[in-house]
Amino acid sequence: MFALNQAIAFVLESARKADLEEARTKLAAMMTQAKTDREKGSMMAAAGILASLSKGKEGGMQTWNGEKISQAAQKIKKNQMADDWDLGYADTLLGYAKLLRQGNK
């Protein structure tokens, strides 16, 4: 799981730097490595981030707001019905929000 977390962190950092092709390539290479529900949730969050950033470059979506991402992820984590998939998804969103805040400093 540690290697997968590092790979997801690499994908998110590439996305933050707007290197979407590198992020997509890395994500595609590691998709089959996700075994647990939490890992699968993280992968889906990373894929969703990349998809929305791609559409944003085409003018189809607004840019990501780190504060709003954090708020949404915290709501997911506080939900009593959240399962491991949801928690993996929320953790990835929080990781991306943190990267966005670091990039704005």
PDB file of N, CA and C in Angstrom:
ATOM      1  N   MET A   1       0.823  -1.198   0.000  1.00  0.00           N
ATOM      2  CA  MET A   1       0.000   0.000   0.000  1.00  0.00           C
ATOM      3  C   MET A   1       0.866   1.260   0.000  1.00  0.00           C
ATOM      4  N   PHE A   2       2.029   1.196   0.655  1.00  0.00           N
ATOM      5  CA  PHE A   2       2.893   2.373   0.719  1.00  0.00           C
ATOM      6  C   PHE A   2       3.322   2.815  -0.678  1.00  0.00           C
ATOM      7  N   ALA A   3       3.698   1.868  -1.528  1.00  0.00           N
ATOM      8  CA  ALA A   3       4.113   2.209  -2.890  1.00  0.00           C
ATOM      9  C   ALA A   3       2.953   2.826  -3.661  1.00  0.00           C
ATOM     10  N   LEU A   4       1.763   2.315  -3.441  1.00  0.00           N
ATOM     11  CA  LEU A   4       0.593   2.860  -4.125  1.00  0.00           C
ATOM     12  C   LEU A   4       0.309   4.283  -3.646  1.00  0.00           C
ATOM     13  N   ASN A   5       0.453   4.530  -2.357  1.00  0.00           N
ATOM     14  CA  ASN A   5       0.266   5.891  -1.828  1.00  0.00           C
ATOM     15  C   ASN A   5       1.275   6.857  -2.430  1.00  0.00           C
ATOM     16  N   GLN A   6       2.514   6.409  -2.579  1.00  0.00           N
ATOM     17  CA  GLN A   6       3.539   7.255  -3.191  1.00  0.00           C
ATOM     18  C   GLN A   6       3.191   7.540  -4.648  1.00  0.00           C
ATOM     19  N   ALA A   7       2.680   6.531  -5.335  1.00  0.00           N
ATOM     20  CA  ALA A   7       2.313   6.712  -6.737  1.00  0.00           C
ATOM     21  C   ALA A   7       1.150   7.692  -6.870  1.00  0.00           C
ATOM     22  N   ILE A   8       0.182   7.599  -5.983  1.00  0.00           N
ATOM     23  CA  ILE A   8      -0.943   8.531  -6.012  1.00  0.00           C
ATOM     24  C   ILE A   8      -0.446   9.947  -5.715  1.00  0.00           C
ATOM     25  N   ALA A   9       0.461  10.068  -4.765  1.00  0.00           N
ATOM     26  CA  ALA A   9       1.036  11.385  -4.452  1.00  0.00           C
ATOM     27  C   ALA A   9       1.757  11.950  -5.682  1.00  0.00           C
ATOM     28  N   PHE A  10       2.454  11.100  -6.426  1.00  0.00           N
ATOM     29  CA  PHE A  10       3.129  11.525  -7.646  1.00  0.00           C
ATOM     30  C   PHE A  10       2.117  12.013  -8.682  1.00  0.00           C
ATOM     31  N   VAL A  11       1.015  11.268  -8.838  1.00  0.00           N
ATOM     32  CA  VAL A  11      -0.037  11.655  -9.787  1.00  0.00           C
ATOM     33  C   VAL A  11      -0.623  13.009  -9.400  1.00  0.00           C
ATOM     34  N   LEU A  12      -0.916  13.194  -8.118  1.00  0.00           N
ATOM     35  CA  LEU A  12      -1.500  14.455  -7.668  1.00  0.00           C
ATOM     36  C   LEU A  12      -0.534  15.629  -7.854  1.00  0.00           C
ATOM     37  N   GLU A  13       0.745  15.392  -7.589  1.00  0.00           N
ATOM     38  CA  GLU A  13       1.739  16.449  -7.781  1.00  0.00           C
ATOM     39  C   GLU A  13       1.854  16.805  -9.266  1.00  0.00           C
ATOM     40  N   SER A  14       1.844  15.797 -10.127  1.00  0.00           N
ATOM     41  CA  SER A  14       1.877  16.056 -11.569  1.00  0.00           C
ATOM     42  C   SER A  14       0.648  16.846 -11.995  1.00  0.00           C
ATOM     43  N   ALA A  15      -0.507  16.501 -11.434  1.00  0.00           N
ATOM     44  CA  ALA A  15      -1.736  17.224 -11.758  1.00  0.00           C
ATOM     45  C   ALA A  15      -1.638  18.677 -11.291  1.00  0.00           C
ATOM     46  N   ARG A  16      -1.094  18.887 -10.106  1.00  0.00           N
ATOM     47  CA  ARG A  16      -0.951  20.248  -9.582  1.00  0.00           C
ATOM     48  C   ARG A  16      -0.059  21.091 -10.486  1.00  0.00           C
ATOM     49  N   LYS A  17       0.969  20.453 -11.053  1.00  0.00           N
ATOM     50  CA  LYS A  17       1.881  21.155 -11.947  1.00  0.00           C
ATOM     51  C   LYS A  17       1.332  21.244 -13.370  1.00  0.00           C
ATOM     52  N   ALA A  18       0.111  20.753 -13.558  1.00  0.00           N
ATOM     53  CA  ALA A  18      -0.558  20.770 -14.865  1.00  0.00           C
ATOM     54  C   ALA A  18       0.114  19.864 -15.886  1.00  0.00           C
ATOM     55  N   ASP A  19       0.857  18.864 -15.420  1.00  0.00           N
ATOM     56  CA  ASP A  19       1.434  17.865 -16.320  1.00  0.00           C
ATOM     57  C   ASP A  19       0.458  16.685 -16.371  1.00  0.00           C
ATOM     58  N   LEU A  20      -0.658  16.897 -17.029  1.00  0.00           N
ATOM     59  CA  LEU A  20      -1.743  15.922 -17.010  1.00  0.00           C
ATOM     60  C   LEU A  20      -1.390  14.641 -17.750  1.00  0.00           C
ATOM     61  N   GLU A  21      -0.599  14.727 -18.792  1.00  0.00           N
ATOM     62  CA  GLU A  21      -0.237  13.512 -19.540  1.00  0.00           C
ATOM     63  C   GLU A  21       0.617  12.584 -18.674  1.00  0.00           C
ATOM     64  N   GLU A  22       1.575  13.157 -17.964  1.00  0.00           N
ATOM     65  CA  GLU A  22       2.408  12.356 -17.060  1.00  0.00           C
ATOM     66  C   GLU A  22       1.544  11.728 -15.961  1.00  0.00           C
ATOM     67  N   ALA A  23       0.620  12.497 -15.416  1.00  0.00           N
ATOM     68  CA  ALA A  23      -0.264  11.992 -14.363  1.00  0.00           C
ATOM     69  C   ALA A  23      -1.150  10.859 -14.885  1.00  0.00           C
ATOM     70  N   ARG A  24      -1.704  11.035 -16.083  1.00  0.00           N
ATOM     71  CA  ARG A  24      -2.562   9.995 -16.666  1.00  0.00           C
ATOM     72  C   ARG A  24      -1.791   8.703 -16.913  1.00  0.00           C
ATOM     73  N   THR A  25      -0.573   8.842 -17.407  1.00  0.00           N
ATOM     74  CA  THR A  25       0.263   7.671 -17.695  1.00  0.00           C
ATOM     75  C   THR A  25       0.559   6.900 -16.419  1.00  0.00           C
ATOM     76  N   LYS A  26       0.945   7.608 -15.377  1.00  0.00           N
ATOM     77  CA  LYS A  26       1.261   6.959 -14.093  1.00  0.00           C
ATOM     78  C   LYS A  26       0.020   6.304 -13.493  1.00  0.00           C
ATOM     79  N   LEU A  27      -1.106   7.002 -13.557  1.00  0.00           N
ATOM     80  CA  LEU A  27      -2.348   6.461 -13.004  1.00  0.00           C
ATOM     81  C   LEU A  27      -2.763   5.197 -13.747  1.00  0.00           C
ATOM     82  N   ALA A  28      -2.677   5.213 -15.061  1.00  0.00           N
ATOM     83  CA  ALA A  28      -3.048   4.042 -15.856  1.00  0.00           C
ATOM     84  C   ALA A  28      -2.150   2.850 -15.530  1.00  0.00           C
ATOM     85  N   ALA A  29      -0.883   3.119 -15.295  1.00  0.00           N
ATOM     86  CA  ALA A  29       0.069   2.053 -14.994  1.00  0.00           C
ATOM     87  C   ALA A  29      -0.193   1.388 -13.648  1.00  0.00           C
ATOM     88  N   MET A  30      -0.786   2.120 -12.722  1.00  0.00           N
ATOM     89  CA  MET A  30      -0.961   1.569 -11.377  1.00  0.00           C
ATOM     90  C   MET A  30      -2.404   1.146 -11.067  1.00  0.00           C
ATOM     91  N   MET A  31      -3.327   1.332 -11.997  1.00  0.00           N
ATOM     92  CA  MET A  31      -4.741   1.012 -11.738  1.00  0.00           C
ATOM     93  C   MET A  31      -4.944  -0.427 -11.266  1.00  0.00           C
ATOM     94  N   THR A  32      -4.232  -1.362 -11.821  1.00  0.00           N
ATOM     95  CA  THR A  32      -4.427  -2.772 -11.456  1.00  0.00           C
ATOM     96  C   THR A  32      -3.822  -3.103 -10.092  1.00  0.00           C
ATOM     97  N   GLN A  33      -3.027  -2.218  -9.533  1.00  0.00           N
ATOM     98  CA  GLN A  33      -2.396  -2.473  -8.240  1.00  0.00           C
ATOM     99  C   GLN A  33      -3.338  -2.257  -7.064  1.00  0.00           C
ATOM    100  N   ALA A  34      -4.430  -1.557  -7.277  1.00  0.00           N
ATOM    101  CA  ALA A  34      -5.371  -1.278  -6.189  1.00  0.00           C
ATOM    102  C   ALA A  34      -6.108  -2.557  -5.820  1.00  0.00           C
ATOM    103  N   LYS A  35      -5.947  -2.980  -4.605  1.00  0.00           N
ATOM    104  CA  LYS A  35      -6.572  -4.234  -4.148  1.00  0.00           C
ATOM    105  C   LYS A  35      -7.676  -3.988  -3.127  1.00  0.00           C
ATOM    106  N   THR A  36      -7.467  -3.063  -2.205  1.00  0.00           N
ATOM    107  CA  THR A  36      -8.453  -2.819  -1.158  1.00  0.00           C
ATOM    108  C   THR A  36      -9.462  -1.767  -1.617  1.00  0.00           C
ATOM    109  N   ASP A  37     -10.581  -1.697  -0.929  1.00  0.00           N
ATOM    110  CA  ASP A  37     -11.579  -0.682  -1.259  1.00  0.00           C
ATOM    111  C   ASP A  37     -11.022   0.723  -1.066  1.00  0.00           C
ATOM    112  N   ARG A  38     -10.223   0.914  -0.050  1.00  0.00           N
ATOM    113  CA  ARG A  38      -9.645   2.235   0.215  1.00  0.00           C
ATOM    114  C   ARG A  38      -8.724   2.655  -0.934  1.00  0.00           C
ATOM    115  N   GLU A  39      -7.909   1.717  -1.422  1.00  0.00           N
ATOM    116  CA  GLU A  39      -7.024   1.996  -2.550  1.00  0.00           C
ATOM    117  C   GLU A  39      -7.828   2.299  -3.812  1.00  0.00           C
ATOM    118  N   LYS A  40      -8.901   1.562  -4.014  1.00  0.00           N
ATOM    119  CA  LYS A  40      -9.752   1.781  -5.186  1.00  0.00           C
ATOM    120  C   LYS A  40     -10.428   3.152  -5.111  1.00  0.00           C
ATOM    121  N   GLY A  41     -10.852   3.559  -3.931  1.00  0.00           N
ATOM    122  CA  GLY A  41     -11.429   4.884  -3.748  1.00  0.00           C
ATOM    123  C   GLY A  41     -10.423   5.975  -4.056  1.00  0.00           C
ATOM    124  N   SER A  42      -9.180   5.772  -3.627  1.00  0.00           N
ATOM    125  CA  SER A  42      -8.115   6.745  -3.911  1.00  0.00           C
ATOM    126  C   SER A  42      -7.868   6.858  -5.408  1.00  0.00           C
ATOM    127  N   MET A  43      -7.842   5.723  -6.078  1.00  0.00           N
ATOM    128  CA  MET A  43      -7.633   5.725  -7.527  1.00  0.00           C
ATOM    129  C   MET A  43      -8.754   6.470  -8.250  1.00  0.00           C
ATOM    130  N   MET A  44      -9.973   6.241  -7.823  1.00  0.00           N
ATOM    131  CA  MET A  44     -11.108   6.900  -8.479  1.00  0.00           C
ATOM    132  C   MET A  44     -11.076   8.410  -8.239  1.00  0.00           C
ATOM    133  N   ALA A  45     -10.666   8.815  -7.056  1.00  0.00           N
ATOM    134  CA  ALA A  45     -10.554  10.253  -6.785  1.00  0.00           C
ATOM    135  C   ALA A  45      -9.484  10.876  -7.682  1.00  0.00           C
ATOM    136  N   ALA A  46      -8.340  10.207  -7.793  1.00  0.00           N
ATOM    137  CA  ALA A  46      -7.265  10.725  -8.646  1.00  0.00           C
ATOM    138  C   ALA A  46      -7.728  10.789 -10.103  1.00  0.00           C
ATOM    139  N   ALA A  47      -8.432   9.760 -10.555  1.00  0.00           N
ATOM    140  CA  ALA A  47      -8.950   9.756 -11.930  1.00  0.00           C
ATOM    141  C   ALA A  47      -9.952  10.889 -12.136  1.00  0.00           C
ATOM    142  N   GLY A  48     -10.791  11.143 -11.141  1.00  0.00           N
ATOM    143  CA  GLY A  48     -11.765  12.225 -11.229  1.00  0.00           C
ATOM    144  C   GLY A  48     -11.100  13.591 -11.263  1.00  0.00           C
ATOM    145  N   ILE A  49     -10.063  13.750 -10.472  1.00  0.00           N
ATOM    146  CA  ILE A  49      -9.320  15.010 -10.470  1.00  0.00           C
ATOM    147  C   ILE A  49      -8.718  15.256 -11.849  1.00  0.00           C
ATOM    148  N   LEU A  50      -8.095  14.226 -12.402  1.00  0.00           N
ATOM    149  CA  LEU A  50      -7.481  14.377 -13.728  1.00  0.00           C
ATOM    150  C   LEU A  50      -8.526  14.670 -14.801  1.00  0.00           C
ATOM    151  N   ALA A  51      -9.653  13.983 -14.733  1.00  0.00           N
ATOM    152  CA  ALA A  51     -10.709  14.205 -15.726  1.00  0.00           C
ATOM    153  C   ALA A  51     -11.236  15.635 -15.652  1.00  0.00           C
ATOM    154  N   SER A  52     -11.463  16.117 -14.445  1.00  0.00           N
ATOM    155  CA  SER A  52     -11.994  17.477 -14.319  1.00  0.00           C
ATOM    156  C   SER A  52     -10.954  18.527 -14.704  1.00  0.00           C
ATOM    157  N   LEU A  53      -9.684  18.271 -14.422  1.00  0.00           N
ATOM    158  CA  LEU A  53      -8.640  19.213 -14.832  1.00  0.00           C
ATOM    159  C   LEU A  53      -8.516  19.244 -16.350  1.00  0.00           C
ATOM    160  N   SER A  54      -8.670  18.106 -16.983  1.00  0.00           N
ATOM    161  CA  SER A  54      -8.628  18.052 -18.450  1.00  0.00           C
ATOM    162  C   SER A  54      -9.768  18.866 -19.038  1.00  0.00           C
ATOM    163  N   LYS A  55     -10.946  18.726 -18.482  1.00  0.00           N
ATOM    164  CA  LYS A  55     -12.096  19.491 -18.957  1.00  0.00           C
ATOM    165  C   LYS A  55     -11.905  20.977 -18.653  1.00  0.00           C
ATOM    166  N   GLY A  56     -11.271  21.273 -17.535  1.00  0.00           N
ATOM    167  CA  GLY A  56     -11.005  22.666 -17.178  1.00  0.00           C
ATOM    168  C   GLY A  56     -10.080  23.337 -18.174  1.00  0.00           C
ATOM    169  N   LYS A  57      -9.104  22.591 -18.657  1.00  0.00           N
ATOM    170  CA  LYS A  57      -8.198  23.149 -19.663  1.00  0.00           C
ATOM    171  C   LYS A  57      -8.937  23.451 -20.955  1.00  0.00           C
ATOM    172  N   GLU A  58      -9.995  22.696 -21.216  1.00  0.00           N
ATOM    173  CA  GLU A  58     -10.796  22.911 -22.422  1.00  0.00           C
ATOM    174  C   GLU A  58     -11.849  23.993 -22.195  1.00  0.00           C
ATOM    175  N   GLY A  59     -11.896  24.535 -20.983  1.00  0.00           N
ATOM    176  CA  GLY A  59     -12.865  25.581 -20.664  1.00  0.00           C
ATOM    177  C   GLY A  59     -14.206  25.046 -20.199  1.00  0.00           C
ATOM    178  N   GLY A  60     -14.290  23.742 -19.918  1.00  0.00           N
ATOM    179  CA  GLY A  60     -15.563  23.133 -19.544  1.00  0.00           C
ATOM    180  C   GLY A  60     -15.870  23.146 -18.058  1.00  0.00           C
ATOM    181  N   MET A  61     -14.873  23.393 -17.222  1.00  0.00           N
ATOM    182  CA  MET A  61     -15.101  23.375 -15.777  1.00  0.00           C
ATOM    183  C   MET A  61     -14.327  24.503 -15.117  1.00  0.00           C
ATOM    184  N   GLN A  62     -14.783  24.852 -13.920  1.00  0.00           N
ATOM    185  CA  GLN A  62     -14.067  25.852 -13.134  1.00  0.00           C
ATOM    186  C   GLN A  62     -12.825  25.228 -12.517  1.00  0.00           C
ATOM    187  N   THR A  63     -11.930  26.082 -12.030  1.00  0.00           N
ATOM    188  CA  THR A  63     -10.718  25.590 -11.390  1.00  0.00           C
ATOM    189  C   THR A  63     -11.048  25.036 -10.002  1.00  0.00           C
ATOM    190  N   TRP A  64     -10.137  24.256  -9.475  1.00  0.00           N
ATOM    191  CA  TRP A  64     -10.311  23.653  -8.160  1.00  0.00           C
ATOM    192  C   TRP A  64      -9.991  24.676  -7.076  1.00  0.00           C
ATOM    193  N   ASN A  65     -10.802  24.644  -6.028  1.00  0.00           N
ATOM    194  CA  ASN A  65     -10.603  25.497  -4.873  1.00  0.00           C
ATOM    195  C   ASN A  65     -10.226  24.597  -3.702  1.00  0.00           C
ATOM    196  N   GLY A  66      -8.996  24.727  -3.221  1.00  0.00           N
ATOM    197  CA  GLY A  66      -8.498  23.852  -2.163  1.00  0.00           C
ATOM    198  C   GLY A  66      -9.358  23.840  -0.916  1.00  0.00           C
ATOM    199  N   GLU A  67      -9.876  24.991  -0.539  1.00  0.00           N
ATOM    200  CA  GLU A  67     -10.705  25.080   0.668  1.00  0.00           C
ATOM    201  C   GLU A  67     -12.017  24.316   0.500  1.00  0.00           C
ATOM    202  N   LYS A  68     -12.632  24.453  -0.654  1.00  0.00           N
ATOM    203  CA  LYS A  68     -13.893  23.746  -0.904  1.00  0.00           C
ATOM    204  C   LYS A  68     -13.675  22.236  -0.999  1.00  0.00           C
ATOM    205  N   ILE A  69     -12.542  21.837  -1.567  1.00  0.00           N
ATOM    206  CA  ILE A  69     -12.212  20.408  -1.636  1.00  0.00           C
ATOM    207  C   ILE A  69     -12.069  19.850  -0.225  1.00  0.00           C
ATOM    208  N   SER A  70     -11.358  20.575   0.623  1.00  0.00           N
ATOM    209  CA  SER A  70     -11.162  20.129   2.011  1.00  0.00           C
ATOM    210  C   SER A  70     -12.484  19.999   2.748  1.00  0.00           C
ATOM    211  N   GLN A  71     -13.355  20.972   2.571  1.00  0.00           N
ATOM    212  CA  GLN A  71     -14.659  20.923   3.239  1.00  0.00           C
ATOM    213  C   GLN A  71     -15.467  19.708   2.783  1.00  0.00           C
ATOM    214  N   ALA A  72     -15.471  19.455   1.489  1.00  0.00           N
ATOM    215  CA  ALA A  72     -16.221  18.308   0.964  1.00  0.00           C
ATOM    216  C   ALA A  72     -15.642  16.994   1.479  1.00  0.00           C
ATOM    217  N   ALA A  73     -14.320  16.879   1.484  1.00  0.00           N
ATOM    218  CA  ALA A  73     -13.679  15.654   1.949  1.00  0.00           C
ATOM    219  C   ALA A  73     -13.934  15.429   3.443  1.00  0.00           C
ATOM    220  N   GLN A  74     -13.892  16.494   4.230  1.00  0.00           N
ATOM    221  CA  GLN A  74     -14.167  16.354   5.665  1.00  0.00           C
ATOM    222  C   GLN A  74     -15.604  15.890   5.901  1.00  0.00           C
ATOM    223  N   LYS A  75     -16.539  16.376   5.106  1.00  0.00           N
ATOM    224  CA  LYS A  75     -17.928  15.920   5.241  1.00  0.00           C
ATOM    225  C   LYS A  75     -18.045  14.441   4.938  1.00  0.00           C
ATOM    226  N   ILE A  76     -17.320  13.978   3.932  1.00  0.00           N
ATOM    227  CA  ILE A  76     -17.328  12.547   3.608  1.00  0.00           C
ATOM    228  C   ILE A  76     -16.790  11.750   4.784  1.00  0.00           C
ATOM    229  N   LYS A  77     -15.659  12.197   5.351  1.00  0.00           N
ATOM    230  CA  LYS A  77     -15.028  11.453   6.445  1.00  0.00           C
ATOM    231  C   LYS A  77     -15.882  11.422   7.702  1.00  0.00           C
ATOM    232  N   LYS A  78     -16.692  12.469   7.915  1.00  0.00           N
ATOM    233  CA  LYS A  78     -17.530  12.534   9.114  1.00  0.00           C
ATOM    234  C   LYS A  78     -18.833  11.748   8.967  1.00  0.00           C
ATOM    235  N   ASN A  79     -19.177  11.393   7.744  1.00  0.00           N
ATOM    236  CA  ASN A  79     -20.412  10.655   7.501  1.00  0.00           C
ATOM    237  C   ASN A  79     -20.307   9.262   8.120  1.00  0.00           C
ATOM    238  N   GLN A  80     -21.251   8.915   8.966  1.00  0.00           N
ATOM    239  CA  GLN A  80     -21.216   7.625   9.655  1.00  0.00           C
ATOM    240  C   GLN A  80     -21.369   6.450   8.702  1.00  0.00           C
ATOM    241  N   MET A  81     -21.906   6.697   7.526  1.00  0.00           N
ATOM    242  CA  MET A  81     -22.104   5.617   6.567  1.00  0.00           C
ATOM    243  C   MET A  81     -20.929   5.483   5.592  1.00  0.00           C
ATOM    244  N   ALA A  82     -19.897   6.295   5.759  1.00  0.00           N
ATOM    245  CA  ALA A  82     -18.734   6.224   4.878  1.00  0.00           C
ATOM    246  C   ALA A  82     -18.010   4.897   5.085  1.00  0.00           C
ATOM    247  N   ASP A  83     -17.696   4.245   3.979  1.00  0.00           N
ATOM    248  CA  ASP A  83     -16.946   2.989   4.055  1.00  0.00           C
ATOM    249  C   ASP A  83     -15.492   3.238   3.639  1.00  0.00           C
ATOM    250  N   ASP A  84     -14.717   2.165   3.524  1.00  0.00           N
ATOM    251  CA  ASP A  84     -13.302   2.325   3.190  1.00  0.00           C
ATOM    252  C   ASP A  84     -13.095   2.994   1.831  1.00  0.00           C
ATOM    253  N   TRP A  85     -13.952   2.685   0.852  1.00  0.00           N
ATOM    254  CA  TRP A  85     -13.851   3.302  -0.466  1.00  0.00           C
ATOM    255  C   TRP A  85     -14.018   4.812  -0.324  1.00  0.00           C
ATOM    256  N   ASP A  86     -15.053   5.220   0.414  1.00  0.00           N
ATOM    257  CA  ASP A  86     -15.304   6.653   0.628  1.00  0.00           C
ATOM    258  C   ASP A  86     -14.131   7.324   1.320  1.00  0.00           C
ATOM    259  N   LEU A  87     -13.552   6.645   2.308  1.00  0.00           N
ATOM    260  CA  LEU A  87     -12.435   7.221   3.058  1.00  0.00           C
ATOM    261  C   LEU A  87     -11.196   7.366   2.181  1.00  0.00           C
ATOM    262  N   GLY A  88     -10.942   6.395   1.319  1.00  0.00           N
ATOM    263  CA  GLY A  88      -9.822   6.503   0.382  1.00  0.00           C
ATOM    264  C   GLY A  88     -10.021   7.667  -0.569  1.00  0.00           C
ATOM    265  N   TYR A  89     -11.252   7.835  -1.029  1.00  0.00           N
ATOM    266  CA  TYR A  89     -11.600   8.943  -1.922  1.00  0.00           C
ATOM    267  C   TYR A  89     -11.373  10.277  -1.212  1.00  0.00           C
ATOM    268  N   ALA A  90     -11.880  10.374   0.011  1.00  0.00           N
ATOM    269  CA  ALA A  90     -11.749  11.616   0.786  1.00  0.00           C
ATOM    270  C   ALA A  90     -10.290  11.922   1.100  1.00  0.00           C
ATOM    271  N   ASP A  91      -9.512  10.910   1.463  1.00  0.00           N
ATOM    272  CA  ASP A  91      -8.097  11.130   1.771  1.00  0.00           C
ATOM    273  C   ASP A  91      -7.342  11.679   0.559  1.00  0.00           C
ATOM    274  N   THR A  92      -7.672  11.173  -0.619  1.00  0.00           N
ATOM    275  CA  THR A  92      -7.016  11.650  -1.836  1.00  0.00           C
ATOM    276  C   THR A  92      -7.409  13.094  -2.123  1.00  0.00           C
ATOM    277  N   LEU A  93      -8.678  13.420  -1.927  1.00  0.00           N
ATOM    278  CA  LEU A  93      -9.111  14.808  -2.102  1.00  0.00           C
ATOM    279  C   LEU A  93      -8.381  15.725  -1.129  1.00  0.00           C
ATOM    280  N   LEU A  94      -8.247  15.294   0.122  1.00  0.00           N
ATOM    281  CA  LEU A  94      -7.533  16.098   1.107  1.00  0.00           C
ATOM    282  C   LEU A  94      -6.067  16.280   0.718  1.00  0.00           C
ATOM    283  N   GLY A  95      -5.460  15.225   0.207  1.00  0.00           N
ATOM    284  CA  GLY A  95      -4.071  15.316  -0.238  1.00  0.00           C
ATOM    285  C   GLY A  95      -3.910  16.311  -1.373  1.00  0.00           C
ATOM    286  N   TYR A  96      -4.856  16.311  -2.305  1.00  0.00           N
ATOM    287  CA  TYR A  96      -4.792  17.251  -3.421  1.00  0.00           C
ATOM    288  C   TYR A  96      -5.033  18.679  -2.941  1.00  0.00           C
ATOM    289  N   ALA A  97      -5.966  18.852  -2.030  1.00  0.00           N
ATOM    290  CA  ALA A  97      -6.233  20.189  -1.482  1.00  0.00           C
ATOM    291  C   ALA A  97      -4.987  20.735  -0.788  1.00  0.00           C
ATOM    292  N   LYS A  98      -4.283  19.875  -0.072  1.00  0.00           N
ATOM    293  CA  LYS A  98      -3.059  20.284   0.613  1.00  0.00           C
ATOM    294  C   LYS A  98      -2.003  20.723  -0.403  1.00  0.00           C
ATOM    295  N   LEU A  99      -1.875  19.974  -1.489  1.00  0.00           N
ATOM    296  CA  LEU A  99      -0.927  20.362  -2.537  1.00  0.00           C
ATOM    297  C   LEU A  99      -1.281  21.712  -3.153  1.00  0.00           C
ATOM    298  N   LEU A 100      -2.573  21.941  -3.360  1.00  0.00           N
ATOM    299  CA  LEU A 100      -3.003  23.221  -3.913  1.00  0.00           C
ATOM    300  C   LEU A 100      -2.661  24.375  -2.983  1.00  0.00           C
ATOM    301  N   ARG A 101      -2.877  24.167  -1.684  1.00  0.00           N
ATOM    302  CA  ARG A 101      -2.554  25.232  -0.724  1.00  0.00           C
ATOM    303  C   ARG A 101      -1.050  25.500  -0.692  1.00  0.00           C
ATOM    304  N   GLN A 102      -0.240  24.448  -0.777  1.00  0.00           N
ATOM    305  CA  GLN A 102       1.219  24.616  -0.783  1.00  0.00           C
ATOM    306  C   GLN A 102       1.666  25.355  -2.026  1.00  0.00           C
ATOM    307  N   GLY A 103       1.008  25.074  -3.145  1.00  0.00           N
ATOM    308  CA  GLY A 103       1.372  25.723  -4.402  1.00  0.00           C
ATOM    309  C   GLY A 103       1.013  27.187  -4.438  1.00  0.00           C
ATOM    310  N   ASN A 104       0.038  27.590  -3.628  1.00  0.00           N
ATOM    311  CA  ASN A 104      -0.391  28.984  -3.603  1.00  0.00           C
ATOM    312  C   ASN A 104       0.433  29.838  -2.660  1.00  0.00           C
ATOM    313  N   LYS A 105       1.334  29.252  -1.918  1.00  0.00           N
ATOM    314  CA  LYS A 105       2.137  29.997  -0.945  1.00  0.00           C
ATOM    315  C   LYS A 105       3.391  30.525  -1.571  1.00  0.00           C
TER     316      LYS A 105
END
